[in-house]
Amino acid sequence: MAAGVILITGCSSGIGYVTAHGLKAKGWRVFATARATKDVEQLKNEGFETLLLDVADSVSIQNAVAALLKKTGGRIDALFNNAGFGVPGAVEDLSREAMRYQFETNVFGAIELTNAVLPAMRQQGHGRIIFNGSVLGFAAMPYRGAYNASKFALEGFADTLRQEMTGSSIHTILLQPGPITSRFRANAQQQFVRWIGADHSFHQPSYLAMQARLAKAGPVAPFTLPAEAVMAVVLKALTVRRPSARYQITTPTKVFWVLKKILPSRVLDYILLKASGDEPGYSYGRS
């Protein structure tokens, strides 16, 4: 597909920010969005067409899509559902409110925004919907239950939507990045403090180690790639004639994609526990 109009969510930093710049340099008409006014203003100062968009807010989604279609004469060639974050914490420490908060952005917002642009894509006869999933959308790790579940759910929606678009020229594409340089850990630290009562948790010793990892500067996982690695795959998914249903990004994602298929669950659990860097409370001799 030739360069056209694309809407990207979560452009204040990381993958969204880098992808917006990369696609703009390739001739795409990029509508870069963020949920904070200051971030929208910064993107505007950098030469982007911008929209204020909080995907956790239905009214914000409706207003943003209406504004975009008005500016483009009803055209939208691609949507990159990138916005997302993680609420870390053991499953037993997650409140209903924390889980709902996680899903509002990572799942419900992405699907509602997709549904809002699909009529325009159907009318013009083509389009590409890209979801930013994760290695944790098929290989779960401890203390990431809410995030794991949100990415597993996103995969289910993406697979179903792809099937429902069979026979059309609207392609559904799922990205599965592993460790990527971004503000993800810093944002996760804030969510942990907001939602998890660590002082009274069975998992408190594990949380101390987890918080130290979240606060560490620079990459903490092996094979971490810059956000440009995701941008390159987004560009490929947008421009090839027949994009793949899934793109695994980073070595850990590719390795776990294979291991998930061939290993017994107990063996895979052991490997994932070791790879996570977060040992459960039982590892500290508690019972």
Protein backbone atom coordinates (compact mmCIF):
# COMPACT_ATOMS: atom_id res chain seq x y z
CA MET A 1 0.00 0.00 0.00
CA ALA A 2 1.29 3.46 -0.89
CA ALA A 3 1.74 6.08 1.82
CA GLY A 4 -1.58 7.44 3.02
CA VAL A 5 -3.37 8.61 6.15
CA ILE A 6 -2.59 6.87 9.44
CA LEU A 7 -3.84 7.44 12.97
CA ILE A 8 -1.43 6.42 15.74
CA THR A 9 -2.34 6.26 19.42
CA GLY A 10 0.05 6.80 22.30
CA CYS A 11 2.56 9.07 20.57
CA SER A 12 3.88 10.92 23.60
CA SER A 13 6.94 8.66 23.85
CA GLY A 14 8.41 5.28 22.96
CA ILE A 15 7.04 3.20 20.10
CA GLY A 16 4.26 5.62 19.17
CA TYR A 17 6.55 8.63 19.08
CA VAL A 18 9.27 6.90 17.05
CA THR A 19 6.79 5.32 14.64
CA ALA A 20 5.06 8.65 14.05
CA HIS A 21 8.35 10.28 13.13
CA GLY A 22 9.46 7.33 11.00
CA LEU A 23 6.27 7.14 8.96
CA LYS A 24 6.12 10.91 8.51
CA ALA A 25 9.63 10.79 7.06
CA LYS A 26 8.40 8.11 4.61
CA GLY A 27 5.64 10.36 3.30
CA TRP A 28 2.71 9.21 5.41
CA ARG A 29 0.17 11.75 6.58
CA VAL A 30 0.43 10.97 10.29
CA PHE A 31 -2.18 11.97 12.82
CA ALA A 32 -0.21 11.67 16.06
CA THR A 33 -2.34 11.43 19.18
CA ALA A 34 -1.83 11.61 22.92
CA ARG A 35 -4.14 11.91 25.90
CA ALA A 36 -2.35 14.85 27.58
CA THR A 37 -2.68 18.35 26.12
CA LYS A 38 1.00 19.14 26.74
CA ASP A 39 2.07 16.11 24.72
CA VAL A 40 -0.27 17.04 21.88
CA GLU A 41 1.21 20.53 21.83
CA GLN A 42 4.74 19.12 21.72
CA LEU A 43 3.85 16.87 18.79
CA LYS A 44 2.25 19.83 17.01
CA ASN A 45 5.45 21.84 17.51
CA GLU A 46 7.33 18.98 15.84
CA GLY A 47 5.25 19.35 12.70
CA PHE A 48 2.56 16.71 13.18
CA GLU A 49 -1.14 16.91 12.59
CA THR A 50 -2.38 16.08 16.06
CA LEU A 51 -5.46 14.99 17.93
CA LEU A 52 -6.23 14.82 21.63
CA LEU A 53 -7.21 11.20 22.18
CA ASP A 54 -7.69 9.20 25.36
CA VAL A 55 -8.71 5.70 24.26
CA ALA A 56 -10.15 5.02 27.71
CA ASP A 57 -12.80 7.68 27.01
CA SER A 58 -15.57 6.94 24.48
CA VAL A 59 -16.34 10.62 23.90
CA SER A 60 -12.66 11.32 23.22
CA ILE A 61 -12.61 8.50 20.65
CA GLN A 62 -15.72 9.80 18.89
CA ASN A 63 -14.42 13.37 18.80
CA ALA A 64 -10.98 12.38 17.53
CA VAL A 65 -12.29 10.17 14.73
CA ALA A 66 -14.81 12.79 13.65
CA ALA A 67 -12.09 15.45 13.58
CA LEU A 68 -9.73 13.24 11.57
CA LEU A 69 -12.34 12.29 8.97
CA LYS A 70 -13.34 15.93 8.60
CA LYS A 71 -9.72 16.91 7.92
CA THR A 72 -9.11 14.07 5.45
CA GLY A 73 -12.42 14.14 3.61
CA GLY A 74 -13.40 10.80 5.12
CA ARG A 75 -10.15 8.98 4.40
CA ILE A 76 -8.17 6.81 6.79
CA ASP A 77 -5.83 4.21 5.34
CA ALA A 78 -4.41 2.76 8.54
CA LEU A 79 -4.78 2.69 12.30
CA PHE A 80 -1.97 1.75 14.68
CA ASN A 81 -3.43 0.83 18.07
CA ASN A 82 -0.28 1.45 20.06
CA ALA A 83 -1.42 3.09 23.32
CA GLY A 84 -1.02 0.86 26.34
CA PHE A 85 0.56 0.41 29.76
CA GLY A 86 0.98 -2.21 32.47
CA VAL A 87 -0.44 -2.54 35.98
CA PRO A 88 2.08 -4.82 37.70
CA GLY A 89 1.24 -6.95 40.70
CA ALA A 90 0.33 -10.48 41.74
CA VAL A 91 -3.08 -11.68 40.58
CA GLU A 92 -4.27 -12.05 44.17
CA ASP A 93 -3.49 -8.37 44.81
CA LEU A 94 -5.43 -7.03 41.82
CA SER A 95 -8.69 -5.30 42.61
CA ARG A 96 -11.57 -5.30 40.16
CA GLU A 97 -10.94 -1.58 39.68
CA ALA A 98 -7.27 -2.17 38.80
CA MET A 99 -8.16 -4.85 36.26
CA ARG A 100 -10.86 -2.68 34.72
CA TYR A 101 -8.45 0.25 34.51
CA GLN A 102 -5.93 -1.97 32.69
CA PHE A 103 -8.46 -3.24 30.16
CA GLU A 104 -10.04 0.16 29.45
CA THR A 105 -6.96 1.31 27.57
CA ASN A 106 -5.24 -1.87 26.41
CA VAL A 107 -8.34 -3.67 25.17
CA PHE A 108 -11.65 -1.81 25.22
CA GLY A 109 -10.20 1.44 23.90
CA ALA A 110 -8.32 -0.25 21.05
CA ILE A 111 -11.42 -2.15 19.94
CA GLU A 112 -13.77 0.83 20.25
CA LEU A 113 -11.38 3.00 18.22
CA THR A 114 -11.06 0.26 15.61
CA ASN A 115 -14.85 0.00 15.36
CA ALA A 116 -15.06 3.76 14.94
CA VAL A 117 -12.79 3.84 11.87
CA LEU A 118 -14.00 0.65 10.18
CA PRO A 119 -17.04 2.25 8.47
CA ALA A 120 -14.73 4.71 6.67
CA MET A 121 -12.40 1.90 5.66
CA ARG A 122 -15.30 -0.18 4.34
CA GLN A 123 -16.59 2.78 2.34
CA GLN A 124 -13.23 3.46 0.73
CA GLY A 125 -12.65 -0.26 0.17
CA HIS A 126 -9.36 -0.78 2.00
CA GLY A 127 -7.50 -0.29 5.26
CA ARG A 128 -5.01 -1.74 7.69
CA ILE A 129 -5.58 -2.19 11.42
CA ILE A 130 -2.41 -2.80 13.43
CA PHE A 131 -2.56 -3.88 17.07
CA ASN A 132 0.50 -3.57 19.28
CA GLY A 133 0.43 -6.82 21.23
CA SER A 134 3.28 -8.37 23.20
CA VAL A 135 5.25 -11.52 23.86
CA LEU A 136 3.15 -11.47 27.04
CA GLY A 137 0.08 -11.92 24.88
CA PHE A 138 0.94 -15.60 24.50
CA ALA A 139 3.65 -16.30 27.11
CA ALA A 140 2.60 -15.11 30.56
CA MET A 141 5.06 -14.06 33.27
CA PRO A 142 4.52 -13.57 37.03
CA TYR A 143 3.44 -10.23 38.51
CA ARG A 144 2.14 -9.11 35.14
CA GLY A 145 -1.28 -10.74 35.34
CA ALA A 146 -3.40 -7.75 34.37
CA TYR A 147 -1.11 -6.85 31.48
CA ASN A 148 -0.77 -10.49 30.38
CA ALA A 149 -4.54 -10.87 30.35
CA SER A 150 -5.08 -7.63 28.43
CA LYS A 151 -2.66 -8.69 25.70
CA PHE A 152 -4.10 -12.22 25.55
CA ALA A 153 -7.52 -10.61 25.10
CA LEU A 154 -6.23 -8.27 22.41
CA GLU A 155 -4.89 -11.27 20.49
CA GLY A 156 -8.34 -12.86 20.63
CA PHE A 157 -9.99 -9.76 19.25
CA ALA A 158 -7.35 -9.38 16.53
CA ASP A 159 -7.70 -12.99 15.40
CA THR A 160 -11.49 -12.73 15.29
CA LEU A 161 -11.45 -9.42 13.43
CA ARG A 162 -9.02 -10.81 10.88
CA GLN A 163 -11.40 -13.71 10.20
CA GLU A 164 -14.38 -11.36 9.94
CA MET A 165 -12.51 -9.24 7.38
CA THR A 166 -11.90 -12.24 5.11
CA GLY A 167 -12.68 -11.31 1.52
CA SER A 168 -12.24 -7.59 2.10
CA SER A 169 -9.19 -5.42 1.54
CA ILE A 170 -9.06 -4.51 5.22
CA HIS A 171 -6.12 -6.30 6.85
CA THR A 172 -5.76 -6.97 10.58
CA ILE A 173 -2.16 -7.25 11.81
CA LEU A 174 -0.85 -8.14 15.25
CA LEU A 175 2.62 -7.08 16.40
CA GLN A 176 4.24 -9.13 19.16
CA PRO A 177 7.19 -7.14 20.51
CA GLY A 178 9.46 -8.34 23.28
CA PRO A 179 11.67 -5.97 25.28
CA ILE A 180 11.73 -2.54 23.61
CA THR A 181 13.31 0.66 24.92
CA SER A 182 10.48 2.88 26.19
CA ARG A 183 8.98 4.46 29.30
CA PHE A 184 7.01 1.29 30.01
CA ARG A 185 8.82 0.41 33.25
CA ALA A 186 8.64 3.95 34.63
CA ASN A 187 4.92 4.07 33.91
CA ALA A 188 4.43 0.60 35.42
CA GLN A 189 6.13 1.76 38.61
CA GLN A 190 3.55 4.54 38.95
CA GLN A 191 0.69 2.10 38.36
CA PHE A 192 2.08 -0.29 40.96
CA VAL A 193 2.13 2.42 43.62
CA ARG A 194 -1.39 3.47 42.67
CA TRP A 195 -3.09 0.07 42.68
CA ILE A 196 -1.15 -2.46 44.79
CA GLY A 197 -1.10 -2.56 48.60
CA ALA A 198 2.39 -4.02 48.75
CA ASP A 199 2.97 -3.61 52.50
CA HIS A 200 0.29 -6.14 53.42
CA SER A 201 0.88 -8.58 50.59
CA PHE A 202 2.25 -12.11 50.80
CA HIS A 203 4.40 -11.09 47.84
CA GLN A 204 6.08 -8.13 49.55
CA PRO A 205 9.64 -9.57 49.31
CA SER A 206 9.16 -10.17 45.60
CA TYR A 207 7.74 -6.69 45.14
CA LEU A 208 10.90 -5.13 46.58
CA ALA A 209 12.97 -6.84 43.89
CA MET A 210 10.42 -5.99 41.23
CA GLN A 211 10.36 -2.31 42.16
CA ALA A 212 14.16 -2.18 42.01
CA ARG A 213 13.99 -3.62 38.49
CA LEU A 214 11.31 -1.14 37.42
CA ALA A 215 13.33 1.78 38.79
CA LYS A 216 16.59 0.75 37.11
CA ALA A 217 17.73 3.04 34.31
CA GLY A 218 18.36 1.59 30.88
CA PRO A 219 17.47 -1.86 29.51
CA VAL A 220 17.16 -4.66 32.09
CA ALA A 221 16.21 -7.50 29.74
CA PRO A 222 18.60 -9.18 27.31
CA PHE A 223 18.10 -8.51 23.61
CA THR A 224 16.26 -5.23 24.21
CA LEU A 225 15.80 -3.35 20.93
CA PRO A 226 15.13 0.34 20.27
CA ALA A 227 11.65 1.49 19.29
CA GLU A 228 12.90 1.85 15.72
CA ALA A 229 12.70 -1.95 15.43
CA VAL A 230 8.94 -1.78 15.85
CA MET A 231 8.65 1.18 13.48
CA ALA A 232 10.40 -0.84 10.76
CA VAL A 233 7.90 -3.67 11.16
CA VAL A 234 4.95 -1.26 11.14
CA LEU A 235 6.23 0.18 7.86
CA LYS A 236 6.54 -3.31 6.40
CA ALA A 237 3.03 -4.26 7.54
CA LEU A 238 1.66 -1.12 5.92
CA THR A 239 3.42 -1.43 2.58
CA VAL A 240 3.60 -5.11 1.62
CA ARG A 241 0.77 -6.35 -0.60
CA ARG A 242 -0.27 -9.13 1.76
CA PRO A 243 0.82 -8.45 5.36
CA SER A 244 1.30 -11.33 7.77
CA ALA A 245 -1.24 -11.94 10.51
CA ARG A 246 1.53 -11.71 13.14
CA TYR A 247 5.00 -10.23 13.37
CA GLN A 248 7.27 -11.37 16.20
CA ILE A 249 9.73 -8.63 17.14
CA THR A 250 12.90 -9.26 19.22
CA THR A 251 14.71 -12.52 19.87
CA PRO A 252 12.84 -13.39 23.11
CA THR A 253 9.49 -13.21 21.31
CA LYS A 254 10.67 -15.47 18.51
CA VAL A 255 12.17 -17.98 20.97
CA PHE A 256 9.11 -18.13 23.23
CA TRP A 257 6.81 -18.40 20.19
CA VAL A 258 8.57 -21.68 19.34
CA LEU A 259 8.91 -22.92 22.94
CA LYS A 260 5.20 -22.33 23.57
CA LYS A 261 4.44 -24.83 20.81
CA ILE A 262 6.85 -27.59 21.78
CA LEU A 263 7.34 -27.58 25.56
CA PRO A 264 5.09 -28.97 28.29
CA SER A 265 3.49 -26.23 30.38
CA ARG A 266 5.53 -27.04 33.50
CA VAL A 267 8.81 -26.74 31.63
CA LEU A 268 7.72 -23.51 29.93
CA ASP A 269 6.59 -22.10 33.28
CA TYR A 270 10.04 -22.76 34.74
CA ILE A 271 11.76 -20.98 31.87
CA LEU A 272 9.36 -18.03 31.98
CA LEU A 273 9.81 -17.67 35.74
CA LYS A 274 13.56 -17.51 35.31
CA ALA A 275 13.34 -15.14 32.36
CA SER A 276 10.96 -12.78 34.15
CA GLY A 277 13.47 -11.66 36.75
CA ASP A 278 10.71 -11.72 39.38
CA GLU A 279 10.69 -14.72 41.70
CA PRO A 280 7.38 -15.46 43.47
CA GLY A 281 7.10 -15.21 47.25
CA TYR A 282 7.49 -18.96 47.73
CA SER A 283 11.08 -18.61 46.53
CA TYR A 284 11.80 -16.74 49.76
CA GLY A 285 10.81 -19.70 51.91
CA ARG A 286 7.37 -18.41 52.83
CA SER A 287 4.47 -20.82 53.16
